[in-house]
């Protein structure tokens, strides 16, 4: 079972260099190095890393969704065609490979609009 210092070290290791972690929990940097060799410590560190990555992915997904909704509202409310065109360029819509070579830009734009409601 990990000590309180080891658990605190794991939490801090995602924000600070090992030397700063060692100073904050009042152990030597060598102690941190030794802990990193311990399978139980490495497993706990790995679990914490996975939890952080998972949380970060969820937060990023939510932020992307909010940004997309805000962009959609801005494009709907703003009749500035340049803004719409710049948004399409930024999205990579013009880099799409058309499945049907006879498709026009208007067809592509209509398709994108239909997919995005």
N, C-alpha and C. Protein backbone atom coordinates (compact mmCIF):
# COMPACT_ATOMS: atom_id res chain seq x y z
N UNK A 1 0.85 -1.18 0.00
CA UNK A 1 0.00 0.00 0.00
C UNK A 1 0.90 1.25 0.00
N UNK A 2 0.53 2.22 -0.81
CA UNK A 2 1.32 3.43 -0.93
C UNK A 2 1.15 4.32 0.30
N UNK A 3 2.22 5.01 0.63
CA UNK A 3 2.16 5.95 1.75
C UNK A 3 1.44 7.22 1.32
N UNK A 4 1.11 8.03 2.29
CA UNK A 4 0.47 9.32 2.00
C UNK A 4 1.39 10.19 1.15
N UNK A 5 2.69 10.15 1.44
CA UNK A 5 3.66 10.92 0.66
C UNK A 5 3.72 10.45 -0.78
N UNK A 6 3.67 9.14 -0.99
CA UNK A 6 3.69 8.61 -2.35
C UNK A 6 2.43 9.01 -3.13
N UNK A 7 1.28 8.95 -2.48
CA UNK A 7 0.03 9.36 -3.13
C UNK A 7 0.08 10.85 -3.49
N UNK A 8 0.60 11.65 -2.59
CA UNK A 8 0.72 13.08 -2.87
C UNK A 8 1.70 13.32 -4.01
N UNK A 9 2.79 12.56 -4.01
CA UNK A 9 3.78 12.69 -5.08
C UNK A 9 3.15 12.39 -6.44
N UNK A 10 2.33 11.36 -6.50
CA UNK A 10 1.68 11.00 -7.76
C UNK A 10 0.80 12.15 -8.25
N UNK A 11 0.04 12.75 -7.34
CA UNK A 11 -0.82 13.88 -7.74
C UNK A 11 0.01 15.05 -8.26
N UNK A 12 1.14 15.30 -7.62
CA UNK A 12 1.98 16.45 -7.98
C UNK A 12 2.79 16.22 -9.25
N UNK A 13 3.10 14.98 -9.56
CA UNK A 13 3.98 14.67 -10.68
C UNK A 13 3.44 15.10 -12.03
N UNK A 14 2.14 15.35 -12.11
CA UNK A 14 1.56 15.78 -13.38
C UNK A 14 1.66 17.28 -13.58
N UNK A 15 2.09 17.98 -12.54
CA UNK A 15 2.19 19.44 -12.62
C UNK A 15 3.60 19.98 -12.41
N UNK A 16 4.46 19.16 -11.83
CA UNK A 16 5.77 19.67 -11.42
C UNK A 16 6.88 18.68 -11.76
N UNK A 17 8.10 19.18 -11.91
CA UNK A 17 9.25 18.28 -12.08
C UNK A 17 9.51 17.49 -10.78
N UNK A 18 10.14 16.35 -10.94
CA UNK A 18 10.40 15.48 -9.79
C UNK A 18 11.12 16.20 -8.65
N UNK A 19 12.05 17.07 -8.98
CA UNK A 19 12.80 17.78 -7.94
C UNK A 19 11.88 18.65 -7.09
N UNK A 20 10.91 19.31 -7.75
CA UNK A 20 9.96 20.15 -7.01
C UNK A 20 9.00 19.30 -6.18
N UNK A 21 8.61 18.16 -6.73
CA UNK A 21 7.75 17.24 -5.99
C UNK A 21 8.47 16.77 -4.73
N UNK A 22 9.72 16.38 -4.90
CA UNK A 22 10.52 15.91 -3.76
C UNK A 22 10.61 16.99 -2.69
N UNK A 23 10.89 18.21 -3.09
CA UNK A 23 11.00 19.31 -2.12
C UNK A 23 9.67 19.54 -1.41
N UNK A 24 8.58 19.48 -2.15
CA UNK A 24 7.27 19.76 -1.54
C UNK A 24 6.86 18.70 -0.53
N UNK A 25 7.18 17.44 -0.80
CA UNK A 25 6.79 16.39 0.15
C UNK A 25 7.94 16.04 1.10
N UNK A 26 9.00 16.81 0.98
CA UNK A 26 10.15 16.71 1.90
C UNK A 26 10.82 15.35 1.87
N UNK A 27 11.14 14.90 0.64
CA UNK A 27 11.97 13.71 0.45
C UNK A 27 13.06 14.08 -0.54
N UNK A 28 14.03 13.23 -0.68
CA UNK A 28 15.11 13.52 -1.63
C UNK A 28 14.67 13.13 -3.04
N UNK A 29 15.26 13.76 -4.05
CA UNK A 29 14.97 13.35 -5.43
C UNK A 29 15.28 11.87 -5.68
N UNK A 30 16.28 11.35 -4.96
CA UNK A 30 16.60 9.92 -5.08
C UNK A 30 15.44 9.04 -4.62
N UNK A 31 14.72 9.51 -3.61
CA UNK A 31 13.56 8.76 -3.12
C UNK A 31 12.50 8.67 -4.21
N UNK A 32 12.28 9.78 -4.88
CA UNK A 32 11.31 9.78 -5.99
C UNK A 32 11.75 8.78 -7.05
N UNK A 33 13.03 8.78 -7.38
CA UNK A 33 13.56 7.83 -8.36
C UNK A 33 13.35 6.39 -7.91
N UNK A 34 13.56 6.12 -6.64
CA UNK A 34 13.35 4.77 -6.11
C UNK A 34 11.88 4.38 -6.20
N UNK A 35 10.99 5.32 -5.85
CA UNK A 35 9.56 5.03 -5.93
C UNK A 35 9.15 4.68 -7.36
N UNK A 36 9.75 5.37 -8.31
CA UNK A 36 9.40 5.13 -9.72
C UNK A 36 9.80 3.72 -10.17
N UNK A 37 10.67 3.07 -9.44
CA UNK A 37 11.08 1.71 -9.78
C UNK A 37 10.16 0.67 -9.12
N UNK A 38 9.36 1.10 -8.16
CA UNK A 38 8.47 0.21 -7.43
C UNK A 38 7.23 -0.10 -8.28
N UNK A 39 6.93 -1.37 -8.54
CA UNK A 39 5.79 -1.73 -9.39
C UNK A 39 4.45 -1.17 -8.90
N UNK A 40 4.24 -1.17 -7.59
CA UNK A 40 2.98 -0.64 -7.05
C UNK A 40 2.86 0.86 -7.33
N UNK A 41 3.95 1.58 -7.15
CA UNK A 41 3.96 3.02 -7.41
C UNK A 41 3.74 3.28 -8.90
N UNK A 42 4.43 2.52 -9.75
CA UNK A 42 4.27 2.70 -11.21
C UNK A 42 2.84 2.41 -11.65
N UNK A 43 2.23 1.39 -11.05
CA UNK A 43 0.85 1.05 -11.40
C UNK A 43 -0.09 2.19 -10.99
N UNK A 44 0.10 2.73 -9.79
CA UNK A 44 -0.74 3.84 -9.32
C UNK A 44 -0.53 5.07 -10.20
N UNK A 45 0.71 5.32 -10.59
CA UNK A 45 1.02 6.46 -11.46
C UNK A 45 0.35 6.28 -12.83
N UNK A 46 0.39 5.06 -13.34
CA UNK A 46 -0.24 4.75 -14.63
C UNK A 46 -1.76 4.92 -14.55
N UNK A 47 -2.37 4.47 -13.48
CA UNK A 47 -3.82 4.63 -13.29
C UNK A 47 -4.20 6.10 -13.23
N UNK A 48 -3.40 6.88 -12.51
CA UNK A 48 -3.67 8.32 -12.41
C UNK A 48 -3.53 8.98 -13.77
N UNK A 49 -2.53 8.57 -14.54
CA UNK A 49 -2.33 9.13 -15.87
C UNK A 49 -3.51 8.81 -16.79
N UNK A 50 -3.99 7.58 -16.73
CA UNK A 50 -5.16 7.21 -17.55
C UNK A 50 -6.39 8.00 -17.16
N UNK A 51 -6.58 8.21 -15.86
CA UNK A 51 -7.74 8.99 -15.40
C UNK A 51 -7.65 10.43 -15.88
N UNK A 52 -6.45 11.00 -15.84
CA UNK A 52 -6.26 12.37 -16.30
C UNK A 52 -6.51 12.46 -17.81
N UNK A 53 -5.99 11.50 -18.57
CA UNK A 53 -6.20 11.50 -20.02
C UNK A 53 -7.68 11.37 -20.36
N UNK A 54 -8.38 10.51 -19.64
CA UNK A 54 -9.80 10.31 -19.89
C UNK A 54 -10.59 11.58 -19.58
N UNK A 55 -10.28 12.21 -18.47
CA UNK A 55 -10.95 13.45 -18.09
C UNK A 55 -10.65 14.55 -19.09
N UNK A 56 -9.41 14.64 -19.51
CA UNK A 56 -9.01 15.64 -20.49
C UNK A 56 -9.74 15.43 -21.81
N UNK A 57 -9.88 14.19 -22.23
CA UNK A 57 -10.59 13.89 -23.48
C UNK A 57 -12.05 14.29 -23.37
N UNK A 58 -12.69 14.01 -22.22
CA UNK A 58 -14.09 14.39 -22.04
C UNK A 58 -14.24 15.91 -22.07
N UNK A 59 -13.35 16.61 -21.39
CA UNK A 59 -13.41 18.08 -21.37
C UNK A 59 -13.19 18.66 -22.76
N UNK A 60 -12.24 18.08 -23.49
CA UNK A 60 -11.96 18.56 -24.85
C UNK A 60 -13.17 18.32 -25.75
N UNK A 61 -13.81 17.15 -25.63
CA UNK A 61 -14.98 16.86 -26.44
C UNK A 61 -16.11 17.84 -26.14
N UNK A 62 -16.30 18.13 -24.87
CA UNK A 62 -17.34 19.09 -24.49
C UNK A 62 -17.02 20.47 -25.04
N UNK A 63 -15.76 20.87 -24.98
CA UNK A 63 -15.36 22.18 -25.48
C UNK A 63 -15.56 22.27 -26.99
N UNK A 64 -15.25 21.20 -27.70
CA UNK A 64 -15.44 21.18 -29.15
C UNK A 64 -16.93 21.30 -29.48
N UNK A 65 -17.76 20.59 -28.75
CA UNK A 65 -19.20 20.65 -28.99
C UNK A 65 -19.73 22.07 -28.74
N UNK A 66 -19.32 22.68 -27.65
CA UNK A 66 -19.75 24.05 -27.34
C UNK A 66 -19.27 25.01 -28.41
N UNK A 67 -18.03 24.87 -28.83
CA UNK A 67 -17.49 25.74 -29.88
C UNK A 67 -18.27 25.57 -31.18
N UNK A 68 -18.60 24.33 -31.53
CA UNK A 68 -19.35 24.07 -32.75
C UNK A 68 -20.74 24.68 -32.67
N UNK A 69 -21.39 24.56 -31.53
CA UNK A 69 -22.72 25.14 -31.37
C UNK A 69 -22.66 26.67 -31.44
N UNK A 70 -21.64 27.25 -30.82
CA UNK A 70 -21.48 28.70 -30.88
C UNK A 70 -21.19 29.17 -32.31
N UNK A 71 -20.37 28.42 -33.01
CA UNK A 71 -20.05 28.76 -34.40
C UNK A 71 -21.30 28.66 -35.27
N UNK A 72 -22.07 27.60 -35.06
CA UNK A 72 -23.30 27.42 -35.83
C UNK A 72 -24.24 28.61 -35.58
N UNK A 73 -24.39 29.02 -34.33
CA UNK A 73 -25.25 30.15 -34.00
C UNK A 73 -24.72 31.44 -34.63
N UNK A 74 -23.41 31.63 -34.58
CA UNK A 74 -22.82 32.84 -35.16
C UNK A 74 -23.04 32.88 -36.66
N UNK A 75 -22.89 31.75 -37.31
CA UNK A 75 -23.10 31.70 -38.76
C UNK A 75 -24.57 31.89 -39.12
N UNK A 76 -25.44 31.34 -38.29
CA UNK A 76 -26.87 31.47 -38.54
C UNK A 76 -27.33 32.93 -38.35
N UNK A 77 -26.84 33.56 -37.28
CA UNK A 77 -27.27 34.91 -36.94
C UNK A 77 -26.57 35.98 -37.75
N UNK A 78 -25.39 35.68 -38.24
CA UNK A 78 -24.60 36.66 -38.97
C UNK A 78 -24.69 36.34 -40.46
N UNK A 79 -25.13 37.27 -41.21
CA UNK A 79 -25.30 37.03 -42.65
C UNK A 79 -24.03 37.36 -43.44
N UNK A 80 -22.91 37.37 -42.74
CA UNK A 80 -21.62 37.67 -43.36
C UNK A 80 -21.12 36.44 -44.13
N UNK A 81 -21.22 36.48 -45.44
CA UNK A 81 -20.81 35.34 -46.25
C UNK A 81 -19.32 35.06 -46.14
N UNK A 82 -18.52 36.09 -45.91
CA UNK A 82 -17.07 35.89 -45.76
C UNK A 82 -16.79 35.02 -44.53
N UNK A 83 -17.51 35.28 -43.45
CA UNK A 83 -17.34 34.47 -42.25
C UNK A 83 -17.68 33.01 -42.54
N UNK A 84 -18.76 32.78 -43.25
CA UNK A 84 -19.16 31.41 -43.59
C UNK A 84 -18.11 30.75 -44.48
N UNK A 85 -17.62 31.49 -45.46
CA UNK A 85 -16.61 30.95 -46.38
C UNK A 85 -15.31 30.65 -45.63
N UNK A 86 -14.87 31.56 -44.78
CA UNK A 86 -13.66 31.34 -43.99
C UNK A 86 -13.81 30.12 -43.08
N UNK A 87 -15.00 29.96 -42.52
CA UNK A 87 -15.25 28.81 -41.65
C UNK A 87 -15.16 27.52 -42.44
N UNK A 88 -15.74 27.51 -43.62
CA UNK A 88 -15.66 26.31 -44.47
C UNK A 88 -14.22 26.01 -44.86
N UNK A 89 -13.45 27.05 -45.20
CA UNK A 89 -12.04 26.83 -45.55
C UNK A 89 -11.28 26.25 -44.36
N UNK A 90 -11.51 26.81 -43.18
CA UNK A 90 -10.82 26.34 -41.97
C UNK A 90 -11.18 24.90 -41.63
N UNK A 91 -12.42 24.52 -41.92
CA UNK A 91 -12.87 23.17 -41.59
C UNK A 91 -12.28 22.11 -42.50
N UNK A 92 -11.71 22.56 -43.63
CA UNK A 92 -11.17 21.60 -44.59
C UNK A 92 -12.21 21.11 -45.57
N UNK A 93 -13.38 21.75 -45.59
CA UNK A 93 -14.45 21.30 -46.47
C UNK A 93 -14.04 21.32 -47.94
N UNK A 94 -13.16 22.25 -48.31
CA UNK A 94 -12.76 22.34 -49.71
C UNK A 94 -11.68 21.33 -50.06
N UNK A 95 -11.15 20.66 -49.05
CA UNK A 95 -10.13 19.65 -49.30
C UNK A 95 -10.73 18.26 -49.42
N UNK A 96 -12.05 18.16 -49.22
CA UNK A 96 -12.70 16.86 -49.31
C UNK A 96 -12.62 16.32 -50.73
N UNK A 97 -12.40 15.03 -50.84
CA UNK A 97 -12.42 14.37 -52.15
C UNK A 97 -13.87 14.09 -52.46
N UNK A 98 -14.32 14.61 -53.55
CA UNK A 98 -15.71 14.40 -53.94
C UNK A 98 -15.89 12.99 -54.45
N UNK A 99 -16.95 12.32 -53.96
CA UNK A 99 -17.24 10.98 -54.44
C UNK A 99 -17.77 11.04 -55.87
N UNK A 100 -18.54 12.07 -56.14
CA UNK A 100 -19.13 12.24 -57.46
C UNK A 100 -18.45 13.45 -58.10
N UNK A 101 -17.66 13.20 -59.12
CA UNK A 101 -16.89 14.27 -59.77
C UNK A 101 -17.77 15.35 -60.40
N UNK A 102 -19.04 15.04 -60.60
CA UNK A 102 -19.94 16.03 -61.21
C UNK A 102 -20.58 16.93 -60.16
N UNK A 103 -20.32 16.65 -58.89
CA UNK A 103 -20.88 17.44 -57.81
C UNK A 103 -20.34 18.86 -57.88
N UNK A 104 -21.21 19.83 -57.69
CA UNK A 104 -20.80 21.22 -57.70
C UNK A 104 -20.53 21.69 -56.28
N UNK A 105 -19.90 22.85 -56.15
CA UNK A 105 -19.66 23.43 -54.83
C UNK A 105 -20.99 23.64 -54.11
N UNK A 106 -22.00 24.08 -54.82
CA UNK A 106 -23.32 24.29 -54.21
C UNK A 106 -23.86 22.98 -53.64
N UNK A 107 -23.64 21.86 -54.36
CA UNK A 107 -24.07 20.55 -53.87
C UNK A 107 -23.35 20.19 -52.58
N UNK A 108 -22.05 20.43 -52.56
CA UNK A 108 -21.25 20.12 -51.38
C UNK A 108 -21.72 20.96 -50.19
N UNK A 109 -21.92 22.27 -50.41
CA UNK A 109 -22.36 23.16 -49.34
C UNK A 109 -23.74 22.75 -48.83
N UNK A 110 -24.62 22.37 -49.73
CA UNK A 110 -25.96 21.94 -49.34
C UNK A 110 -25.87 20.66 -48.49
N UNK A 111 -25.02 19.76 -48.92
CA UNK A 111 -24.81 18.50 -48.18
C UNK A 111 -24.28 18.77 -46.78
N UNK A 112 -23.30 19.65 -46.67
CA UNK A 112 -22.73 20.00 -45.36
C UNK A 112 -23.81 20.63 -44.48
N UNK A 113 -24.60 21.53 -45.05
CA UNK A 113 -25.65 22.21 -44.30
C UNK A 113 -26.70 21.21 -43.81
N UNK A 114 -27.05 20.25 -44.65
CA UNK A 114 -28.05 19.24 -44.27
C UNK A 114 -27.53 18.35 -43.14
N UNK A 115 -26.26 17.98 -43.21
CA UNK A 115 -25.66 17.13 -42.18
C UNK A 115 -25.56 17.85 -40.85
N UNK A 116 -25.37 19.16 -40.88
CA UNK A 116 -25.19 19.94 -39.65
C UNK A 116 -26.46 20.60 -39.19
N UNK A 117 -27.56 20.24 -39.77
CA UNK A 117 -28.85 20.71 -39.33
C UNK A 117 -29.09 22.14 -39.58
